[in-house]
């Protein structure tokens, strides 16, 4: 089954890519989740629209990505959440919480899909988060979680 990706799918491709996948994977997962659309004969126009939208959201170039990485490295991000006596949180910190905290701390606007948590943040303390800005640039961000 030929599909055009509308969002980034790890291990498969990025928006605007035309991919060939198994029928069941495409029909039961990618299309219903709106990660892809079925490739038709007039697909060139759709691919152009998807790529234009992606380029508007994407980091412009390698130099810009390195500038953002430097900003993130110098940034101090602190999140507060309710926690128990032993320091375990009542819930967890998500990638969306991290991007909101970066924006509140005066950092650049990030896409939450580019923030990778190695494991869910469920404890008070200092945690390292990877932010994929460009295929060649990955920034490490230190997030401090405090009990509210």
N, C-alpha and C. Protein backbone atom coordinates (compact mmCIF):
# COMPACT_ATOMS: atom_id res chain seq x y z
N UNK A 1 0.85 -1.17 0.00
CA UNK A 1 0.00 0.00 0.00
C UNK A 1 0.90 1.23 0.00
N UNK A 2 0.64 2.17 -0.92
CA UNK A 2 1.41 3.41 -0.99
C UNK A 2 0.70 4.49 -0.21
N UNK A 3 1.46 5.15 0.67
CA UNK A 3 0.92 6.21 1.51
C UNK A 3 1.84 7.42 1.46
N UNK A 4 1.28 8.58 1.77
CA UNK A 4 2.05 9.80 1.95
C UNK A 4 1.96 10.16 3.42
N UNK A 5 3.10 10.27 4.08
CA UNK A 5 3.11 10.59 5.51
C UNK A 5 2.74 12.05 5.73
N UNK A 6 1.88 12.30 6.70
CA UNK A 6 1.50 13.66 7.06
C UNK A 6 2.18 14.11 8.35
N UNK A 7 2.72 13.15 9.10
CA UNK A 7 3.46 13.44 10.33
C UNK A 7 4.69 12.55 10.36
N UNK A 8 5.63 12.89 11.22
CA UNK A 8 6.82 12.07 11.34
C UNK A 8 6.48 10.77 12.04
N UNK A 9 6.90 9.66 11.45
CA UNK A 9 6.69 8.34 12.03
C UNK A 9 8.08 7.73 12.24
N UNK A 10 8.48 7.48 13.49
CA UNK A 10 9.82 6.94 13.74
C UNK A 10 10.03 5.62 13.00
N UNK A 11 11.16 5.53 12.34
CA UNK A 11 11.51 4.31 11.62
C UNK A 11 10.89 4.20 10.25
N UNK A 12 10.03 5.17 9.87
CA UNK A 12 9.35 5.09 8.57
C UNK A 12 9.66 6.29 7.70
N UNK A 13 9.55 7.49 8.23
CA UNK A 13 9.85 8.68 7.44
C UNK A 13 9.30 9.94 8.05
N UNK A 14 9.44 11.02 7.30
CA UNK A 14 8.99 12.32 7.77
C UNK A 14 7.85 12.82 6.87
N UNK A 15 7.18 13.90 7.25
CA UNK A 15 6.05 14.38 6.47
C UNK A 15 6.41 14.65 5.01
N UNK A 16 5.54 14.22 4.12
CA UNK A 16 5.76 14.42 2.70
C UNK A 16 6.42 13.25 2.01
N UNK A 17 6.92 12.29 2.76
CA UNK A 17 7.56 11.11 2.16
C UNK A 17 6.49 10.15 1.65
N UNK A 18 6.75 9.56 0.50
CA UNK A 18 5.87 8.52 -0.04
C UNK A 18 6.49 7.19 0.34
N UNK A 19 5.73 6.35 1.07
CA UNK A 19 6.26 5.08 1.57
C UNK A 19 5.36 3.93 1.15
N UNK A 20 5.94 2.77 1.09
CA UNK A 20 5.22 1.53 0.79
C UNK A 20 5.19 0.72 2.08
N UNK A 21 3.99 0.43 2.58
CA UNK A 21 3.83 -0.32 3.82
C UNK A 21 2.86 -1.49 3.61
N UNK A 22 2.81 -2.37 4.59
CA UNK A 22 1.86 -3.48 4.54
C UNK A 22 0.44 -2.93 4.60
N UNK A 23 -0.48 -3.60 3.91
CA UNK A 23 -1.86 -3.13 3.85
C UNK A 23 -2.48 -2.95 5.23
N UNK A 24 -2.31 -3.90 6.12
CA UNK A 24 -2.91 -3.84 7.45
C UNK A 24 -2.35 -2.70 8.28
N UNK A 25 -1.04 -2.47 8.20
CA UNK A 25 -0.39 -1.40 8.95
C UNK A 25 -0.92 -0.04 8.48
N UNK A 26 -1.05 0.12 7.19
CA UNK A 26 -1.56 1.38 6.66
C UNK A 26 -3.03 1.58 6.96
N UNK A 27 -3.84 0.56 6.69
CA UNK A 27 -5.29 0.67 6.81
C UNK A 27 -5.74 0.73 8.27
N UNK A 28 -5.06 0.01 9.17
CA UNK A 28 -5.52 -0.09 10.56
C UNK A 28 -4.82 0.87 11.52
N UNK A 29 -3.65 1.40 11.14
CA UNK A 29 -2.93 2.26 12.07
C UNK A 29 -2.63 3.64 11.50
N UNK A 30 -1.88 3.68 10.40
CA UNK A 30 -1.39 4.96 9.90
C UNK A 30 -2.51 5.89 9.43
N UNK A 31 -3.45 5.39 8.65
CA UNK A 31 -4.52 6.24 8.13
C UNK A 31 -5.50 6.64 9.24
N UNK A 32 -5.99 5.73 10.10
CA UNK A 32 -6.93 6.17 11.16
C UNK A 32 -6.31 7.14 12.16
N UNK A 33 -5.00 7.00 12.43
CA UNK A 33 -4.34 7.91 13.36
C UNK A 33 -3.94 9.22 12.69
N UNK A 34 -4.23 9.35 11.40
CA UNK A 34 -3.91 10.52 10.58
C UNK A 34 -2.42 10.79 10.50
N UNK A 35 -1.63 9.70 10.51
CA UNK A 35 -0.20 9.81 10.27
C UNK A 35 0.10 9.79 8.78
N UNK A 36 -0.86 9.32 7.97
CA UNK A 36 -0.65 9.20 6.53
C UNK A 36 -1.97 9.29 5.80
N UNK A 37 -1.86 9.57 4.48
CA UNK A 37 -3.01 9.54 3.59
C UNK A 37 -2.68 8.63 2.42
N UNK A 38 -3.70 8.07 1.81
CA UNK A 38 -3.50 7.15 0.70
C UNK A 38 -2.98 7.92 -0.50
N UNK A 39 -1.95 7.37 -1.16
CA UNK A 39 -1.36 8.01 -2.33
C UNK A 39 -2.28 7.81 -3.53
N UNK A 40 -2.64 8.90 -4.19
CA UNK A 40 -3.46 8.85 -5.39
C UNK A 40 -2.66 9.41 -6.56
N UNK A 41 -3.30 9.47 -7.73
CA UNK A 41 -2.58 9.96 -8.90
C UNK A 41 -2.21 11.44 -8.79
N UNK A 42 -3.03 12.23 -8.17
CA UNK A 42 -2.75 13.66 -8.04
C UNK A 42 -1.99 14.00 -6.78
N UNK A 43 -1.16 13.12 -6.35
CA UNK A 43 -0.49 13.25 -5.05
C UNK A 43 0.59 14.34 -5.03
N UNK A 44 1.10 14.73 -6.18
CA UNK A 44 2.19 15.72 -6.21
C UNK A 44 1.79 17.01 -5.52
N UNK A 45 0.55 17.47 -5.77
CA UNK A 45 0.10 18.71 -5.13
C UNK A 45 0.00 18.55 -3.62
N UNK A 46 -0.49 17.41 -3.16
CA UNK A 46 -0.60 17.18 -1.72
C UNK A 46 0.78 17.12 -1.08
N UNK A 47 1.73 16.48 -1.75
CA UNK A 47 3.09 16.37 -1.21
C UNK A 47 3.71 17.76 -1.10
N UNK A 48 3.50 18.61 -2.10
CA UNK A 48 4.04 19.97 -2.05
C UNK A 48 3.46 20.75 -0.88
N UNK A 49 2.15 20.63 -0.64
CA UNK A 49 1.53 21.33 0.49
C UNK A 49 2.09 20.84 1.82
N UNK A 50 2.26 19.54 1.96
CA UNK A 50 2.79 18.97 3.19
C UNK A 50 4.22 19.44 3.42
N UNK A 51 5.03 19.45 2.37
CA UNK A 51 6.44 19.86 2.52
C UNK A 51 6.55 21.35 2.82
N UNK A 52 5.67 22.17 2.25
CA UNK A 52 5.69 23.60 2.56
C UNK A 52 5.33 23.83 4.03
N UNK A 53 4.32 23.11 4.53
CA UNK A 53 3.93 23.25 5.93
C UNK A 53 5.05 22.79 6.85
N UNK A 54 5.74 21.69 6.47
CA UNK A 54 6.83 21.19 7.28
C UNK A 54 7.98 22.18 7.31
N UNK A 55 8.32 22.77 6.18
CA UNK A 55 9.44 23.71 6.15
C UNK A 55 9.15 24.96 6.96
N UNK A 56 7.88 25.35 7.06
CA UNK A 56 7.53 26.51 7.86
C UNK A 56 7.73 26.24 9.34
N UNK A 57 7.47 24.99 9.79
CA UNK A 57 7.62 24.63 11.20
C UNK A 57 9.03 24.24 11.56
N UNK A 58 9.78 23.76 10.60
CA UNK A 58 11.07 23.14 10.85
C UNK A 58 12.15 24.18 11.11
N UNK A 59 13.15 23.79 11.81
CA UNK A 59 14.31 24.64 12.03
C UNK A 59 14.96 24.87 10.67
N UNK A 60 15.32 26.10 10.39
CA UNK A 60 15.74 26.50 9.06
C UNK A 60 16.98 25.76 8.54
N UNK A 61 18.05 25.77 9.32
CA UNK A 61 19.28 25.13 8.84
C UNK A 61 20.13 24.70 10.03
N UNK A 62 21.28 24.17 9.74
CA UNK A 62 22.18 23.65 10.77
C UNK A 62 22.63 24.75 11.73
N UNK A 63 22.97 25.92 11.19
CA UNK A 63 23.41 27.03 12.04
C UNK A 63 22.33 27.48 13.00
N UNK A 64 21.10 27.55 12.52
CA UNK A 64 19.98 27.94 13.38
C UNK A 64 19.76 26.89 14.46
N UNK A 65 19.87 25.62 14.11
CA UNK A 65 19.70 24.55 15.09
C UNK A 65 20.78 24.63 16.17
N UNK A 66 22.00 24.95 15.77
CA UNK A 66 23.08 25.08 16.76
C UNK A 66 22.86 26.27 17.69
N UNK A 67 22.29 27.36 17.16
CA UNK A 67 21.96 28.51 18.00
C UNK A 67 20.91 28.14 19.05
N UNK A 68 19.89 27.41 18.61
CA UNK A 68 18.83 26.99 19.54
C UNK A 68 19.40 26.04 20.58
N UNK A 69 20.31 25.15 20.17
CA UNK A 69 20.94 24.22 21.11
C UNK A 69 21.73 24.99 22.17
N UNK A 70 22.43 26.03 21.77
CA UNK A 70 23.18 26.85 22.72
C UNK A 70 22.24 27.55 23.70
N UNK A 71 21.10 28.04 23.20
CA UNK A 71 20.11 28.67 24.07
C UNK A 71 19.57 27.67 25.09
N UNK A 72 19.29 26.47 24.64
CA UNK A 72 18.74 25.45 25.54
C UNK A 72 19.75 25.03 26.59
N UNK A 73 21.02 24.97 26.20
CA UNK A 73 22.06 24.56 27.15
C UNK A 73 22.21 25.59 28.27
N UNK A 74 22.05 26.86 27.94
CA UNK A 74 22.20 27.93 28.93
C UNK A 74 20.94 28.15 29.76
N UNK A 75 19.85 27.52 29.38
CA UNK A 75 18.56 27.75 30.02
C UNK A 75 18.39 26.91 31.28
N UNK A 76 17.80 27.51 32.30
CA UNK A 76 17.48 26.80 33.54
C UNK A 76 15.96 26.60 33.58
N UNK A 77 15.53 25.33 33.49
CA UNK A 77 14.11 25.01 33.45
C UNK A 77 13.72 24.29 34.73
N UNK A 78 12.72 24.82 35.43
CA UNK A 78 12.23 24.20 36.66
C UNK A 78 10.73 23.96 36.54
N UNK A 79 10.33 22.75 36.87
CA UNK A 79 8.91 22.37 36.87
C UNK A 79 8.51 22.02 38.29
N UNK A 80 7.30 22.37 38.67
CA UNK A 80 6.79 21.98 39.98
C UNK A 80 5.59 21.08 39.78
N UNK A 81 5.50 20.07 40.61
CA UNK A 81 4.40 19.13 40.54
C UNK A 81 4.15 18.58 41.94
N UNK A 82 2.94 18.11 42.17
CA UNK A 82 2.62 17.52 43.47
C UNK A 82 3.40 16.23 43.64
N UNK A 83 3.95 16.04 44.82
CA UNK A 83 4.75 14.85 45.09
C UNK A 83 4.46 14.32 46.48
N UNK A 84 4.75 13.04 46.68
CA UNK A 84 4.59 12.39 47.98
C UNK A 84 5.81 12.62 48.85
N UNK A 85 5.83 11.95 50.00
CA UNK A 85 6.92 12.13 50.96
C UNK A 85 8.26 11.65 50.42
N UNK A 86 8.27 10.57 49.66
CA UNK A 86 9.53 10.01 49.16
C UNK A 86 10.02 10.69 47.89
N UNK A 87 9.29 11.69 47.40
CA UNK A 87 9.71 12.41 46.20
C UNK A 87 9.11 11.87 44.91
N UNK A 88 8.20 10.91 45.02
CA UNK A 88 7.52 10.41 43.80
C UNK A 88 6.38 11.35 43.45
N UNK A 89 6.24 11.63 42.18
CA UNK A 89 5.20 12.55 41.72
C UNK A 89 3.85 11.85 41.64
N UNK A 90 2.79 12.61 41.81
CA UNK A 90 1.43 12.11 41.61
C UNK A 90 1.11 12.29 40.12
N UNK A 91 1.65 11.46 39.29
CA UNK A 91 1.52 11.59 37.84
C UNK A 91 2.92 11.59 37.25
N UNK A 92 3.09 12.23 36.11
CA UNK A 92 4.41 12.30 35.50
C UNK A 92 4.54 13.58 34.70
N UNK A 93 5.76 13.92 34.37
CA UNK A 93 6.06 15.08 33.55
C UNK A 93 6.12 14.62 32.09
N UNK A 94 5.39 15.28 31.22
CA UNK A 94 5.33 14.89 29.81
C UNK A 94 6.18 15.84 28.95
N UNK A 95 6.32 15.48 27.68
CA UNK A 95 7.06 16.33 26.74
C UNK A 95 6.36 17.68 26.58
N UNK A 96 5.05 17.69 26.61
CA UNK A 96 4.30 18.94 26.53
C UNK A 96 4.58 19.86 27.71
N UNK A 97 4.71 19.27 28.90
CA UNK A 97 5.05 20.06 30.09
C UNK A 97 6.43 20.68 29.95
N UNK A 98 7.37 19.92 29.38
CA UNK A 98 8.74 20.43 29.20
C UNK A 98 8.74 21.59 28.22
N UNK A 99 8.03 21.47 27.08
CA UNK A 99 8.02 22.56 26.10
C UNK A 99 7.36 23.82 26.67
N UNK A 100 6.31 23.65 27.47
CA UNK A 100 5.67 24.80 28.11
C UNK A 100 6.62 25.48 29.09
N UNK A 101 7.37 24.68 29.86
CA UNK A 101 8.31 25.24 30.84
C UNK A 101 9.45 25.96 30.14
N UNK A 102 9.91 25.45 29.01
CA UNK A 102 10.98 26.12 28.25
C UNK A 102 10.48 27.47 27.76
N UNK A 103 9.26 27.52 27.25
CA UNK A 103 8.70 28.79 26.77
C UNK A 103 8.54 29.79 27.91
N UNK A 104 8.09 29.32 29.09
CA UNK A 104 7.92 30.21 30.23
C UNK A 104 9.25 30.72 30.76
N UNK A 105 10.32 29.92 30.60
CA UNK A 105 11.64 30.32 31.07
C UNK A 105 12.34 31.25 30.09
N UNK A 106 11.67 31.57 28.98
CA UNK A 106 12.25 32.50 28.02
C UNK A 106 13.04 31.82 26.91
N UNK A 107 12.86 30.54 26.76
CA UNK A 107 13.57 29.81 25.71
C UNK A 107 12.80 29.80 24.41
N UNK A 108 13.35 29.14 23.39
CA UNK A 108 12.68 29.08 22.09
C UNK A 108 11.45 28.17 22.13
N UNK A 109 10.54 28.40 21.21
CA UNK A 109 9.35 27.55 21.09
C UNK A 109 9.77 26.22 20.48
N UNK A 110 9.41 25.13 21.14
CA UNK A 110 9.79 23.79 20.68
C UNK A 110 8.54 23.00 20.31
N UNK A 111 8.72 22.04 19.43
CA UNK A 111 7.66 21.11 19.07
C UNK A 111 7.76 19.95 20.05
N UNK A 112 6.66 19.61 20.72
CA UNK A 112 6.71 18.56 21.74
C UNK A 112 7.07 17.20 21.15
N UNK A 113 6.86 17.03 19.84
CA UNK A 113 7.22 15.75 19.21
C UNK A 113 8.73 15.59 19.05
N UNK A 114 9.47 16.70 19.17
CA UNK A 114 10.93 16.65 19.05
C UNK A 114 11.60 16.42 20.40
N UNK A 115 10.83 16.50 21.49
CA UNK A 115 11.37 16.28 22.83
C UNK A 115 11.26 14.80 23.16
N UNK A 116 12.39 14.17 23.47
CA UNK A 116 12.41 12.75 23.77
C UNK A 116 12.78 12.55 25.24
N UNK A 117 11.86 11.97 25.98
CA UNK A 117 12.13 11.60 27.37
C UNK A 117 12.61 10.15 27.35
N UNK A 118 13.76 9.86 27.96
CA UNK A 118 14.25 8.49 27.97
C UNK A 118 13.31 7.57 28.72
N UNK A 119 12.74 8.07 29.79
CA UNK A 119 11.72 7.36 30.54
C UNK A 119 10.82 8.43 31.16
N UNK A 120 9.60 8.08 31.51
CA UNK A 120 8.71 9.09 32.10
C UNK A 120 9.32 9.68 33.37
N UNK A 121 9.21 10.98 33.51
CA UNK A 121 9.75 11.65 34.70
C UNK A 121 8.69 11.52 35.79
N UNK A 122 9.01 10.72 36.82
CA UNK A 122 8.05 10.46 37.89
C UNK A 122 8.64 10.73 39.28
N UNK A 123 9.77 11.43 39.32
CA UNK A 123 10.40 11.69 40.61
C UNK A 123 10.94 13.12 40.65
N UNK A 124 11.04 13.65 41.86
CA UNK A 124 11.62 14.96 42.08
C UNK A 124 13.13 14.84 41.86
N UNK A 125 13.73 15.87 41.28
CA UNK A 125 15.18 15.87 41.06
C UNK A 125 15.54 16.49 39.73
N UNK A 126 16.75 16.19 39.30
CA UNK A 126 17.27 16.75 38.06
C UNK A 126 17.28 15.66 36.99
N UNK A 127 16.74 15.97 35.81
CA UNK A 127 16.62 15.00 34.73
C UNK A 127 17.14 15.62 33.43
N UNK A 128 17.72 14.78 32.57
CA UNK A 128 18.22 15.22 31.27
C UNK A 128 17.25 14.79 30.19
N UNK A 129 16.92 15.73 29.32
CA UNK A 129 15.96 15.50 28.24
C UNK A 129 16.65 15.81 26.91
N UNK A 130 16.45 14.95 25.92
CA UNK A 130 17.03 15.17 24.59
C UNK A 130 16.01 15.90 23.72
N UNK A 131 16.49 16.90 22.97
CA UNK A 131 15.65 17.65 22.04
C UNK A 131 16.28 17.53 20.66
N UNK A 132 15.56 16.91 19.72
CA UNK A 132 16.07 16.72 18.37
C UNK A 132 15.68 17.92 17.52
N UNK A 133 16.66 18.79 17.23
CA UNK A 133 16.40 20.02 16.52
C UNK A 133 16.62 19.89 15.02
N UNK A 134 17.56 19.05 14.63
CA UNK A 134 17.98 18.90 13.25
C UNK A 134 18.57 17.50 13.14
N UNK A 135 18.59 16.88 11.97
CA UNK A 135 19.17 15.54 11.88
C UNK A 135 20.59 15.44 12.43
N UNK A 136 21.32 16.54 12.43
CA UNK A 136 22.70 16.53 12.92
C UNK A 136 22.86 17.16 14.30
N UNK A 137 21.80 17.76 14.85
CA UNK A 137 21.91 18.47 16.12
C UNK A 137 20.88 17.95 17.12
N UNK A 138 21.40 17.47 18.26
CA UNK A 138 20.54 17.06 19.36
C UNK A 138 21.00 17.83 20.59
N UNK A 139 20.08 18.56 21.20
CA UNK A 139 20.42 19.35 22.38
C UNK A 139 20.02 18.58 23.64
N UNK A 140 20.85 18.71 24.66
CA UNK A 140 20.55 18.12 25.97
C UNK A 140 20.07 19.24 26.88
N UNK A 141 18.91 19.06 27.44
CA UNK A 141 18.29 20.04 28.31
C UNK A 141 18.16 19.47 29.71
N UNK A 142 18.56 20.22 30.72
CA UNK A 142 18.45 19.77 32.09
C UNK A 142 17.18 20.37 32.69
N UNK A 143 16.33 19.50 33.21
CA UNK A 143 15.06 19.91 33.78
C UNK A 143 15.08 19.55 35.27
N UNK A 144 14.79 20.54 36.10
CA UNK A 144 14.71 20.32 37.54
C UNK A 144 13.24 20.20 37.91
N UNK A 145 12.91 19.13 38.61
CA UNK A 145 11.54 18.91 39.05
C UNK A 145 11.50 19.09 40.57
N UNK A 146 10.62 20.00 41.01
CA UNK A 146 10.50 20.29 42.44
C UNK A 146 9.09 19.94 42.91
N UNK A 147 8.98 19.62 44.18
CA UNK A 147 7.66 19.31 44.77
C UNK A 147 6.91 20.60 45.02
N UNK A 148 5.63 20.58 44.73
CA UNK A 148 4.80 21.78 44.93
C UNK A 148 4.32 21.83 46.37
